[in-house]
């Protein structure tokens, strides 16, 4: 009986979305290393532009977001690309650069810019498996000859920051996590020389979604991140 009630709720929700995508509910998923830094910049604009839309926000790791999107639990997700799932429609949003985070007394702390190759001499702290930022940072490490520090994998960017501040190693931090009130306390951040390591952020939804017509407008609102935090796609 409980399963039938849940199925009935899902049918009513789809019917509501089909009648008026701008006035129904939309469940939007975002991954943890972006959500707390992006949402303050874009949610007010979304609520102003779409006042009748009931926006429900879900923060999960990328594998869980993808599963929930395919299952229909989520209507759209903000992810780091590229995505190649043939059942999904994808709209590029923006590019977010990475910065190097080092202890305050590190020799690189006073530099204006550094080449990614300097990572080859460092022990790099990374997030645990399941975070897309880990995969992106590993790509940078491989191309620069850097080595991940053995025996430590962080659960959050804040944990990484504290470990860097303690002098354990260095890490990569997304710009939005750096350029915010209070900043990344206890660490120094250094820009990479161009072309800087970065991540490409996209909006994805099921190609068959009854809310597909709403997604380009939502994508435009999600791009409203002030420079220099991100570069629009």
Protein backbone atom coordinates (compact mmCIF):
# COMPACT_ATOMS: atom_id res chain seq x y z
CA UNK A 1 0.00 0.00 0.00
CA UNK A 2 2.85 2.35 0.85
CA UNK A 3 4.47 1.66 -2.52
CA UNK A 4 1.18 2.40 -4.31
CA UNK A 5 0.82 5.69 -2.44
CA UNK A 6 4.35 6.67 -3.44
CA UNK A 7 3.61 5.78 -7.05
CA UNK A 8 0.47 7.90 -6.93
CA UNK A 9 2.44 10.86 -5.58
CA UNK A 10 4.92 10.52 -8.44
CA UNK A 11 2.11 10.49 -11.03
CA UNK A 12 0.52 13.60 -9.52
CA UNK A 13 3.88 15.35 -9.51
CA UNK A 14 4.51 14.60 -13.20
CA UNK A 15 1.03 15.84 -14.10
CA UNK A 16 1.67 19.04 -12.16
CA UNK A 17 4.97 19.60 -13.95
CA UNK A 18 3.42 18.98 -17.36
CA UNK A 19 0.63 21.52 -16.78
CA UNK A 20 3.03 24.35 -16.00
CA UNK A 21 6.77 23.60 -15.55
CA UNK A 22 7.32 27.10 -14.11
CA UNK A 23 4.73 26.61 -11.35
CA UNK A 24 5.34 23.03 -10.23
CA UNK A 25 8.19 21.59 -8.18
CA UNK A 26 11.73 20.98 -9.39
CA UNK A 27 14.21 18.81 -7.51
CA UNK A 28 17.71 19.99 -8.29
CA UNK A 29 20.78 18.04 -7.18
CA UNK A 30 24.24 19.56 -6.70
CA UNK A 31 27.48 17.95 -5.54
CA UNK A 32 29.04 18.90 -2.17
CA UNK A 33 32.19 20.70 -3.36
CA UNK A 34 30.06 23.18 -5.31
CA UNK A 35 26.68 23.48 -3.58
CA UNK A 36 27.56 25.69 -0.57
CA UNK A 37 29.58 28.08 -2.72
CA UNK A 38 27.31 28.32 -5.79
CA UNK A 39 23.85 28.40 -4.23
CA UNK A 40 24.14 31.76 -2.39
CA UNK A 41 24.96 33.40 -5.73
CA UNK A 42 22.13 31.89 -7.79
CA UNK A 43 19.17 30.90 -5.58
CA UNK A 44 17.90 34.48 -5.00
CA UNK A 45 17.84 35.09 -8.75
CA UNK A 46 16.04 31.80 -9.41
CA UNK A 47 13.38 32.58 -6.83
CA UNK A 48 12.89 36.07 -8.26
CA UNK A 49 12.67 34.89 -11.88
CA UNK A 50 10.54 31.82 -11.10
CA UNK A 51 8.47 32.84 -8.06
CA UNK A 52 5.89 30.06 -8.47
CA UNK A 53 8.47 27.28 -8.86
CA UNK A 54 8.95 25.13 -5.77
CA UNK A 55 12.72 24.58 -5.93
CA UNK A 56 13.91 21.66 -3.81
CA UNK A 57 17.69 21.35 -3.42
CA UNK A 58 19.52 18.09 -2.78
CA UNK A 59 23.25 17.80 -2.02
CA UNK A 60 24.80 14.42 -2.84
CA UNK A 61 27.96 13.00 -4.37
CA UNK A 62 28.03 12.63 -8.13
CA UNK A 63 27.30 8.86 -8.33
CA UNK A 64 24.21 9.30 -6.14
CA UNK A 65 23.06 12.32 -8.16
CA UNK A 66 23.34 10.38 -11.41
CA UNK A 67 21.42 7.42 -9.97
CA UNK A 68 18.62 9.61 -8.63
CA UNK A 69 18.38 11.51 -11.90
CA UNK A 70 18.03 8.31 -13.92
CA UNK A 71 15.46 6.94 -11.45
CA UNK A 72 13.40 10.13 -11.58
CA UNK A 73 13.95 11.11 -7.94
CA UNK A 74 15.70 14.26 -9.18
CA UNK A 75 14.58 16.42 -12.10
CA UNK A 76 17.96 17.96 -12.89
CA UNK A 77 21.51 17.95 -11.56
CA UNK A 78 24.48 20.29 -11.60
CA UNK A 79 27.64 18.26 -12.22
CA UNK A 80 31.20 18.56 -13.42
CA UNK A 81 31.40 17.49 -17.07
CA UNK A 82 31.83 15.95 -19.46
CA UNK A 83 28.74 13.75 -19.46
CA UNK A 84 28.08 11.24 -22.22
CA UNK A 85 24.87 9.51 -21.10
CA UNK A 86 22.64 9.25 -24.21
CA UNK A 87 19.50 9.49 -22.08
CA UNK A 88 20.44 12.91 -20.73
CA UNK A 89 20.31 16.41 -22.13
CA UNK A 90 23.25 18.57 -21.06
CA UNK A 91 23.68 22.34 -21.01
CA UNK A 92 27.15 23.81 -20.26
CA UNK A 93 27.07 26.41 -17.46
CA UNK A 94 30.52 27.76 -16.63
CA UNK A 95 34.18 27.00 -16.05
CA UNK A 96 35.62 27.21 -12.54
CA UNK A 97 39.39 27.41 -12.11
CA UNK A 98 41.37 25.62 -9.42
CA UNK A 99 43.85 27.39 -7.16
CA UNK A 100 46.77 25.90 -5.25
CA UNK A 101 46.29 25.97 -1.47
CA UNK A 102 49.47 25.82 0.63
CA UNK A 103 50.40 26.42 4.29
CA UNK A 104 51.05 30.06 5.16
CA UNK A 105 54.77 29.38 5.68
CA UNK A 106 55.17 27.42 2.43
CA UNK A 107 57.83 28.71 -0.05
CA UNK A 108 55.11 29.16 -2.70
CA UNK A 109 52.81 31.16 -0.41
CA UNK A 110 54.13 34.50 -1.63
CA UNK A 111 53.96 33.72 -5.34
CA UNK A 112 51.41 35.45 -7.58
CA UNK A 113 51.22 32.52 -9.99
CA UNK A 114 52.73 29.06 -10.26
CA UNK A 115 52.94 26.50 -13.05
CA UNK A 116 51.08 23.22 -12.38
CA UNK A 117 54.41 21.43 -12.75
CA UNK A 118 55.38 22.62 -9.23
CA UNK A 119 53.00 19.97 -7.90
CA UNK A 120 55.56 17.36 -8.89
CA UNK A 121 57.56 18.31 -5.79
CA UNK A 122 54.62 18.24 -3.38
CA UNK A 123 52.52 15.79 -1.39
CA UNK A 124 48.99 16.50 -2.58
CA UNK A 125 46.01 15.97 -0.28
CA UNK A 126 42.82 14.79 -1.99
CA UNK A 127 39.21 13.98 -1.20
CA UNK A 128 38.00 10.41 -0.73
CA UNK A 129 36.45 8.31 -3.50
CA UNK A 130 33.02 9.39 -4.71
CA UNK A 131 33.84 13.09 -4.98
CA UNK A 132 34.18 14.29 -8.57
CA UNK A 133 36.74 16.84 -7.36
CA UNK A 134 39.01 13.93 -6.46
CA UNK A 135 38.94 12.66 -10.05
CA UNK A 136 39.62 16.13 -11.44
CA UNK A 137 42.52 16.69 -9.02
CA UNK A 138 43.96 13.28 -9.90
CA UNK A 139 44.00 14.30 -13.57
CA UNK A 140 46.01 17.40 -12.65
CA UNK A 141 48.37 15.32 -10.50
CA UNK A 142 49.00 12.84 -13.31
CA UNK A 143 49.78 15.56 -15.84
CA UNK A 144 52.17 17.34 -13.45
CA UNK A 145 53.87 14.27 -11.97
CA UNK A 146 52.44 14.91 -8.50
CA UNK A 147 51.80 12.12 -6.01
CA UNK A 148 48.80 11.79 -3.71
CA UNK A 149 49.69 11.62 -0.03
CA UNK A 150 49.29 8.05 1.22
CA UNK A 151 47.08 7.28 4.18
CA UNK A 152 44.81 10.31 4.04
CA UNK A 153 41.64 11.07 2.10
CA UNK A 154 39.41 13.92 3.21
CA UNK A 155 35.63 13.86 3.43
CA UNK A 156 35.19 17.58 2.65
CA UNK A 157 36.94 20.70 1.40
CA UNK A 158 36.95 22.05 4.95
CA UNK A 159 38.89 18.99 6.13
CA UNK A 160 41.38 19.53 3.30
CA UNK A 161 41.78 23.17 4.30
CA UNK A 162 42.49 22.30 7.94
CA UNK A 163 45.06 19.68 6.93
CA UNK A 164 46.83 22.14 4.64
CA UNK A 165 46.77 24.78 7.38
CA UNK A 166 48.41 22.23 9.69
CA UNK A 167 51.31 21.87 7.26
CA UNK A 168 50.52 18.31 6.19
CA UNK A 169 50.57 19.02 2.45
CA UNK A 170 49.02 21.09 -0.35
CA UNK A 171 45.78 20.74 -2.28
CA UNK A 172 43.68 22.13 -5.12
CA UNK A 173 40.69 24.29 -4.23
CA UNK A 174 37.91 25.53 -6.54
CA UNK A 175 37.83 29.30 -6.87
CA UNK A 176 34.35 29.69 -5.38
CA UNK A 177 35.51 27.94 -2.21
CA UNK A 178 38.35 30.46 -1.96
CA UNK A 179 36.74 33.76 -2.98
CA UNK A 180 34.05 33.89 -0.32
CA UNK A 181 33.50 35.76 2.97
CA UNK A 182 36.23 34.67 5.35
CA UNK A 183 38.07 32.87 2.56
CA UNK A 184 40.02 29.68 3.14
CA UNK A 185 41.38 30.64 6.57
CA UNK A 186 44.81 29.44 7.61
CA UNK A 187 46.11 28.75 4.10
CA UNK A 188 47.57 30.76 1.23
CA UNK A 189 46.13 30.35 -2.25
CA UNK A 190 48.08 30.85 -5.45
CA UNK A 191 46.80 31.21 -9.02
CA UNK A 192 48.00 28.78 -11.66
CA UNK A 193 49.45 30.11 -14.89
CA UNK A 194 47.21 29.89 -17.94
CA UNK A 195 45.74 27.60 -18.99
CA UNK A 196 44.80 26.97 -15.36
CA UNK A 197 43.45 23.59 -14.24
CA UNK A 198 39.66 23.89 -14.04
CA UNK A 199 36.36 22.04 -14.00
CA UNK A 200 33.51 22.50 -16.47
CA UNK A 201 30.14 22.70 -14.74
CA UNK A 202 27.00 21.54 -16.57
CA UNK A 203 23.27 21.19 -15.99
CA UNK A 204 21.84 17.78 -16.91
CA UNK A 205 18.29 16.43 -17.07
CA UNK A 206 16.48 13.47 -18.59
CA UNK A 207 15.92 14.09 -22.29
CA UNK A 208 12.33 12.86 -21.86
CA UNK A 209 11.55 15.23 -18.96
CA UNK A 210 8.24 17.11 -19.04
CA UNK A 211 10.23 20.08 -17.67
CA UNK A 212 12.70 20.14 -20.58
CA UNK A 213 11.41 23.52 -21.81
CA UNK A 214 12.26 25.07 -18.45
CA UNK A 215 15.87 23.90 -18.38
CA UNK A 216 17.46 26.53 -20.71
CA UNK A 217 16.03 29.29 -18.50
CA UNK A 218 17.25 27.52 -15.37
CA UNK A 219 20.69 27.11 -16.95
CA UNK A 220 20.87 30.84 -17.68
CA UNK A 221 20.01 31.63 -14.07
CA UNK A 222 22.66 29.18 -12.83
CA UNK A 223 25.25 31.01 -14.93
CA UNK A 224 24.71 34.24 -12.99
CA UNK A 225 27.88 33.76 -10.95
CA UNK A 226 29.86 37.01 -10.68
CA UNK A 227 33.28 37.27 -12.28
CA UNK A 228 35.97 36.24 -11.55
CA UNK A 229 34.44 33.29 -9.69
CA UNK A 230 33.51 31.56 -12.93
CA UNK A 231 33.69 31.98 -16.69
CA UNK A 232 30.34 31.44 -18.47
CA UNK A 233 30.32 28.60 -20.99
